C-alpha atoms as a PDB file:
ATOM      1  CA  UNK A   1     201.852 117.481 211.800  1.00  0.00           C
ATOM      2  CA  UNK A   2     199.162 120.149 211.416  1.00  0.00           C
ATOM      3  CA  UNK A   3     195.517 119.754 212.568  1.00  0.00           C
ATOM      4  CA  UNK A   4     193.430 119.265 209.509  1.00  0.00           C
ATOM      5  CA  UNK A   5     190.329 120.452 211.549  1.00  0.00           C
ATOM      6  CA  UNK A   6     192.017 123.736 212.086  1.00  0.00           C
ATOM      7  CA  UNK A   7     191.755 124.478 208.434  1.00  0.00           C
ATOM      8  CA  UNK A   8     188.088 123.906 208.017  1.00  0.00           C
ATOM      9  CA  UNK A   9     186.291 127.059 207.061  1.00  0.00           C
ATOM     10  CA  UNK A  10     182.477 127.549 207.567  1.00  0.00           C
ATOM     11  CA  UNK A  11     180.648 128.799 204.622  1.00  0.00           C
ATOM     12  CA  UNK A  12     178.986 132.223 205.203  1.00  0.00           C
ATOM     13  CA  UNK A  13     175.141 132.144 205.265  1.00  0.00           C
ATOM     14  CA  UNK A  14     174.047 132.201 201.628  1.00  0.00           C
ATOM     15  CA  UNK A  15     171.752 134.978 200.292  1.00  0.00           C
ATOM     16  CA  UNK A  16     169.226 132.261 199.472  1.00  0.00           C
ATOM     17  CA  UNK A  17     168.582 129.478 201.991  1.00  0.00           C
ATOM     18  CA  UNK A  18     167.546 126.142 200.366  1.00  0.00           C
ATOM     19  CA  UNK A  19     164.816 124.222 202.301  1.00  0.00           C
ATOM     20  CA  UNK A  20     164.186 120.544 201.688  1.00  0.00           C
ATOM     21  CA  UNK A  21     160.646 119.063 201.323  1.00  0.00           C
ATOM     22  CA  UNK A  22     160.142 116.613 203.737  1.00  0.00           C
ATOM     23  CA  UNK A  23     156.673 114.710 203.645  1.00  0.00           C
ATOM     24  CA  UNK A  24     154.863 114.186 206.965  1.00  0.00           C
ATOM     25  CA  UNK A  25     157.430 116.378 208.985  1.00  0.00           C
ATOM     26  CA  UNK A  26     158.181 120.097 209.616  1.00  0.00           C
ATOM     27  CA  UNK A  27     158.546 120.923 205.870  1.00  0.00           C
ATOM     28  CA  UNK A  28     155.727 118.734 204.274  1.00  0.00           C
ATOM     29  CA  UNK A  29     153.810 121.856 202.974  1.00  0.00           C
ATOM     30  CA  UNK A  30     156.332 123.738 201.133  1.00  0.00           C
ATOM     31  CA  UNK A  31     156.894 123.936 197.237  1.00  0.00           C
ATOM     32  CA  UNK A  32     156.218 126.157 194.121  1.00  0.00           C
ATOM     33  CA  UNK A  33     152.974 127.588 192.568  1.00  0.00           C
ATOM     34  CA  UNK A  34     152.410 129.713 189.490  1.00  0.00           C
ATOM     35  CA  UNK A  35     153.424 133.031 191.380  1.00  0.00           C
ATOM     36  CA  UNK A  36     156.623 131.474 192.924  1.00  0.00           C
ATOM     37  CA  UNK A  37     157.294 129.436 196.055  1.00  0.00           C
ATOM     38  CA  UNK A  38     155.336 128.988 199.441  1.00  0.00           C
ATOM     39  CA  UNK A  39     155.968 127.596 203.015  1.00  0.00           C
ATOM     40  CA  UNK A  40     152.844 126.603 204.763  1.00  0.00           C
ATOM     41  CA  UNK A  41     152.426 125.291 208.393  1.00  0.00           C
ATOM     42  CA  UNK A  42     150.001 124.895 211.233  1.00  0.00           C
ATOM     43  CA  UNK A  43     152.169 125.868 214.263  1.00  0.00           C
ATOM     44  CA  UNK A  44     151.863 126.906 218.162  1.00  0.00           C
ATOM     45  CA  UNK A  45     153.695 129.565 219.576  1.00  0.00           C
ATOM     46  CA  UNK A  46     153.890 131.953 222.425  1.00  0.00           C
ATOM     47  CA  UNK A  47     153.823 135.533 222.166  1.00  0.00           C
ATOM     48  CA  UNK A  48     157.168 137.469 222.325  1.00  0.00           C
ATOM     49  CA  UNK A  49     158.137 138.132 225.958  1.00  0.00           C
ATOM     50  CA  UNK A  50     155.988 135.437 227.558  1.00  0.00           C
ATOM     51  CA  UNK A  51     157.359 133.647 230.618  1.00  0.00           C
ATOM     52  CA  UNK A  52     156.033 130.264 231.644  1.00  0.00           C
ATOM     53  CA  UNK A  53     152.915 130.496 234.125  1.00  0.00           C
ATOM     54  CA  UNK A  54     150.696 127.685 235.564  1.00  0.00           C
ATOM     55  CA  UNK A  55     147.974 128.734 232.933  1.00  0.00           C
ATOM     56  CA  UNK A  56     150.638 128.241 229.962  1.00  0.00           C
ATOM     57  CA  UNK A  57     147.768 126.474 227.889  1.00  0.00           C
ATOM     58  CA  UNK A  58     145.856 129.475 227.478  1.00  0.00           C
ATOM     59  CA  UNK A  59     149.108 131.479 226.341  1.00  0.00           C
ATOM     60  CA  UNK A  60     150.099 128.877 223.682  1.00  0.00           C
ATOM     61  CA  UNK A  61     148.375 129.857 220.525  1.00  0.00           C
ATOM     62  CA  UNK A  62     147.772 127.893 217.296  1.00  0.00           C
ATOM     63  CA  UNK A  63     147.958 129.429 213.853  1.00  0.00           C
ATOM     64  CA  UNK A  64     147.414 128.552 210.409  1.00  0.00           C
ATOM     65  CA  UNK A  65     150.331 130.091 208.262  1.00  0.00           C
ATOM     66  CA  UNK A  66     151.049 130.501 204.607  1.00  0.00           C
ATOM     67  CA  UNK A  67     154.290 132.589 203.476  1.00  0.00           C
ATOM     68  CA  UNK A  68     154.598 133.253 199.809  1.00  0.00           C
ATOM     69  CA  UNK A  69     157.635 134.199 197.941  1.00  0.00           C
ATOM     70  CA  UNK A  70     158.708 134.991 194.444  1.00  0.00           C
ATOM     71  CA  UNK A  71     160.777 132.763 192.140  1.00  0.00           C
ATOM     72  CA  UNK A  72     163.905 134.181 193.231  1.00  0.00           C
ATOM     73  CA  UNK A  73     162.974 133.715 197.091  1.00  0.00           C
ATOM     74  CA  UNK A  74     161.899 137.181 198.021  1.00  0.00           C
ATOM     75  CA  UNK A  75     159.083 137.259 200.495  1.00  0.00           C
ATOM     76  CA  UNK A  76     155.754 138.453 198.973  1.00  0.00           C
ATOM     77  CA  UNK A  77     153.136 137.944 201.671  1.00  0.00           C
ATOM     78  CA  UNK A  78     152.283 136.214 204.891  1.00  0.00           C
ATOM     79  CA  UNK A  79     148.809 134.891 205.708  1.00  0.00           C
ATOM     80  CA  UNK A  80     148.424 133.945 209.202  1.00  0.00           C
ATOM     81  CA  UNK A  81     145.427 133.317 211.251  1.00  0.00           C
ATOM     82  CA  UNK A  82     145.099 132.586 215.179  1.00  0.00           C
ATOM     83  CA  UNK A  83     142.908 129.627 215.530  1.00  0.00           C
ATOM     84  CA  UNK A  84     142.834 128.981 219.343  1.00  0.00           C
ATOM     85  CA  UNK A  85     144.735 128.193 222.330  1.00  0.00           C
ATOM     86  CA  UNK A  86     146.250 125.021 223.519  1.00  0.00           C
ATOM     87  CA  UNK A  87     143.530 124.816 226.122  1.00  0.00           C
ATOM     88  CA  UNK A  88     141.281 123.758 223.321  1.00  0.00           C
ATOM     89  CA  UNK A  89     143.907 121.910 221.429  1.00  0.00           C
ATOM     90  CA  UNK A  90     142.151 119.664 219.015  1.00  0.00           C
ATOM     91  CA  UNK A  91     139.697 122.419 217.849  1.00  0.00           C
ATOM     92  CA  UNK A  92     142.377 124.839 217.424  1.00  0.00           C
ATOM     93  CA  UNK A  93     144.684 122.365 215.403  1.00  0.00           C
ATOM     94  CA  UNK A  94     141.733 121.218 213.252  1.00  0.00           C
ATOM     95  CA  UNK A  95     140.956 124.798 212.325  1.00  0.00           C
ATOM     96  CA  UNK A  96     144.365 125.750 211.671  1.00  0.00           C
ATOM     97  CA  UNK A  97     144.690 122.631 209.201  1.00  0.00           C
ATOM     98  CA  UNK A  98     141.374 123.422 207.618  1.00  0.00           C
ATOM     99  CA  UNK A  99     142.364 127.057 206.864  1.00  0.00           C
ATOM    100  CA  UNK A 100     145.843 125.992 205.581  1.00  0.00           C
ATOM    101  CA  UNK A 101     144.388 123.365 203.383  1.00  0.00           C
ATOM    102  CA  UNK A 102     141.974 125.858 201.850  1.00  0.00           C
ATOM    103  CA  UNK A 103     144.681 128.480 201.412  1.00  0.00           C
ATOM    104  CA  UNK A 104     146.643 125.743 199.762  1.00  0.00           C
ATOM    105  CA  UNK A 105     143.906 124.653 197.486  1.00  0.00           C
ATOM    106  CA  UNK A 106     143.679 128.205 196.036  1.00  0.00           C
ATOM    107  CA  UNK A 107     147.360 128.472 194.984  1.00  0.00           C
ATOM    108  CA  UNK A 108     147.086 127.834 191.252  1.00  0.00           C
ATOM    109  CA  UNK A 109     149.704 125.306 189.910  1.00  0.00           C
ATOM    110  CA  UNK A 110     150.789 123.808 193.408  1.00  0.00           C
ATOM    111  CA  UNK A 111     153.232 121.325 193.759  1.00  0.00           C
ATOM    112  CA  UNK A 112     155.193 120.269 196.740  1.00  0.00           C
ATOM    113  CA  UNK A 113     158.938 120.217 196.791  1.00  0.00           C
ATOM    114  CA  UNK A 114     162.216 121.760 197.759  1.00  0.00           C
ATOM    115  CA  UNK A 115     162.270 125.617 198.022  1.00  0.00           C
ATOM    116  CA  UNK A 116     165.109 128.172 198.340  1.00  0.00           C
ATOM    117  CA  UNK A 117     164.044 131.585 200.037  1.00  0.00           C
ATOM    118  CA  UNK A 118     165.657 134.673 201.366  1.00  0.00           C
ATOM    119  CA  UNK A 119     165.506 135.816 205.222  1.00  0.00           C
ATOM    120  CA  UNK A 120     162.480 137.736 206.068  1.00  0.00           C
ATOM    121  CA  UNK A 121     160.746 138.725 209.294  1.00  0.00           C
ATOM    122  CA  UNK A 122     156.876 139.352 209.872  1.00  0.00           C
ATOM    123  CA  UNK A 123     155.225 139.667 213.299  1.00  0.00           C
ATOM    124  CA  UNK A 124     151.696 138.753 213.766  1.00  0.00           C
ATOM    125  CA  UNK A 125     149.703 138.858 217.086  1.00  0.00           C
ATOM    126  CA  UNK A 126     153.010 139.401 219.017  1.00  0.00           C
ATOM    127  CA  UNK A 127     154.562 136.399 217.535  1.00  0.00           C
ATOM    128  CA  UNK A 128     157.720 136.463 215.225  1.00  0.00           C
ATOM    129  CA  UNK A 129     157.289 134.600 211.864  1.00  0.00           C
ATOM    130  CA  UNK A 130     160.119 134.457 209.457  1.00  0.00           C
ATOM    131  CA  UNK A 131     163.540 133.166 208.519  1.00  0.00           C
ATOM    132  CA  UNK A 132     166.018 134.975 210.539  1.00  0.00           C
ATOM    133  CA  UNK A 133     169.856 135.209 210.518  1.00  0.00           C
ATOM    134  CA  UNK A 134     171.339 134.417 213.890  1.00  0.00           C
ATOM    135  CA  UNK A 135     174.651 133.664 215.657  1.00  0.00           C
ATOM    136  CA  UNK A 136     174.832 130.631 218.228  1.00  0.00           C
ATOM    137  CA  UNK A 137     178.210 129.716 219.686  1.00  0.00           C
ATOM    138  CA  UNK A 138     180.063 131.863 217.201  1.00  0.00           C
ATOM    139  CA  UNK A 139     178.464 130.314 214.091  1.00  0.00           C
ATOM    140  CA  UNK A 140     175.729 132.007 211.999  1.00  0.00           C
ATOM    141  CA  UNK A 141     172.705 129.890 210.790  1.00  0.00           C
ATOM    142  CA  UNK A 142     169.127 130.649 209.580  1.00  0.00           C
ATOM    143  CA  UNK A 143     166.326 129.907 212.058  1.00  0.00           C
ATOM    144  CA  UNK A 144     162.733 129.587 210.832  1.00  0.00           C
ATOM    145  CA  UNK A 145     160.147 130.916 213.365  1.00  0.00           C
ATOM    146  CA  UNK A 146     157.973 130.306 215.193  1.00  0.00           C
ATOM    147  CA  UNK A 147     158.603 126.682 213.822  1.00  0.00           C
ATOM    148  CA  UNK A 148     162.143 126.534 215.455  1.00  0.00           C
ATOM    149  CA  UNK A 149     163.903 124.743 212.780  1.00  0.00           C
ATOM    150  CA  UNK A 150     167.537 125.750 211.904  1.00  0.00           C
ATOM    151  CA  UNK A 151     169.503 125.650 208.845  1.00  0.00           C
ATOM    152  CA  UNK A 152     173.347 125.435 208.893  1.00  0.00           C
ATOM    153  CA  UNK A 153     176.521 124.961 206.937  1.00  0.00           C
ATOM    154  CA  UNK A 154     176.856 123.061 204.483  1.00  0.00           C
ATOM    155  CA  UNK A 155     173.535 124.969 203.462  1.00  0.00           C
ATOM    156  CA  UNK A 156     172.059 121.705 201.750  1.00  0.00           C
ATOM    157  CA  UNK A 157     168.523 122.559 202.819  1.00  0.00           C
ATOM    158  CA  UNK A 158     168.531 120.004 205.647  1.00  0.00           C
ATOM    159  CA  UNK A 159     167.336 121.305 209.009  1.00  0.00           C
ATOM    160  CA  UNK A 160     167.771 120.965 212.666  1.00  0.00           C
ATOM    161  CA  UNK A 161     164.895 120.984 215.298  1.00  0.00           C
END
């Protein structure tokens, strides 16, 4: 008898990665607007190359982020603002949310929902933002940075954290 698992093939990373809108979680501020699609978030991140130190709170930085894409999923722009460090957590988070809300209010025809975008990379303030194709344990996947949410075969838009 042959092993049925041995014949399973993993699908290659598609050109356009679907992302499911999930209210009150990591993808709650994604959707469409008159100019295409968007992915917004408030997120904390460390600059590339940072290694943990006792004063890590001063190095953990909060950002308001709004990526826009055309209807075909091509990256158009990334609006990113650093709003403070984790040592002043509440003020930094509140300011990031205020900025994101204002930016979203300015997107004409905004409606929340699933999106499908192409990989892209944008570095701001020493932090990588984007949807990056990576290989882990021999399998390709798409990782959304700095949110650290991964998308995998069967490419149905569901993510892993």
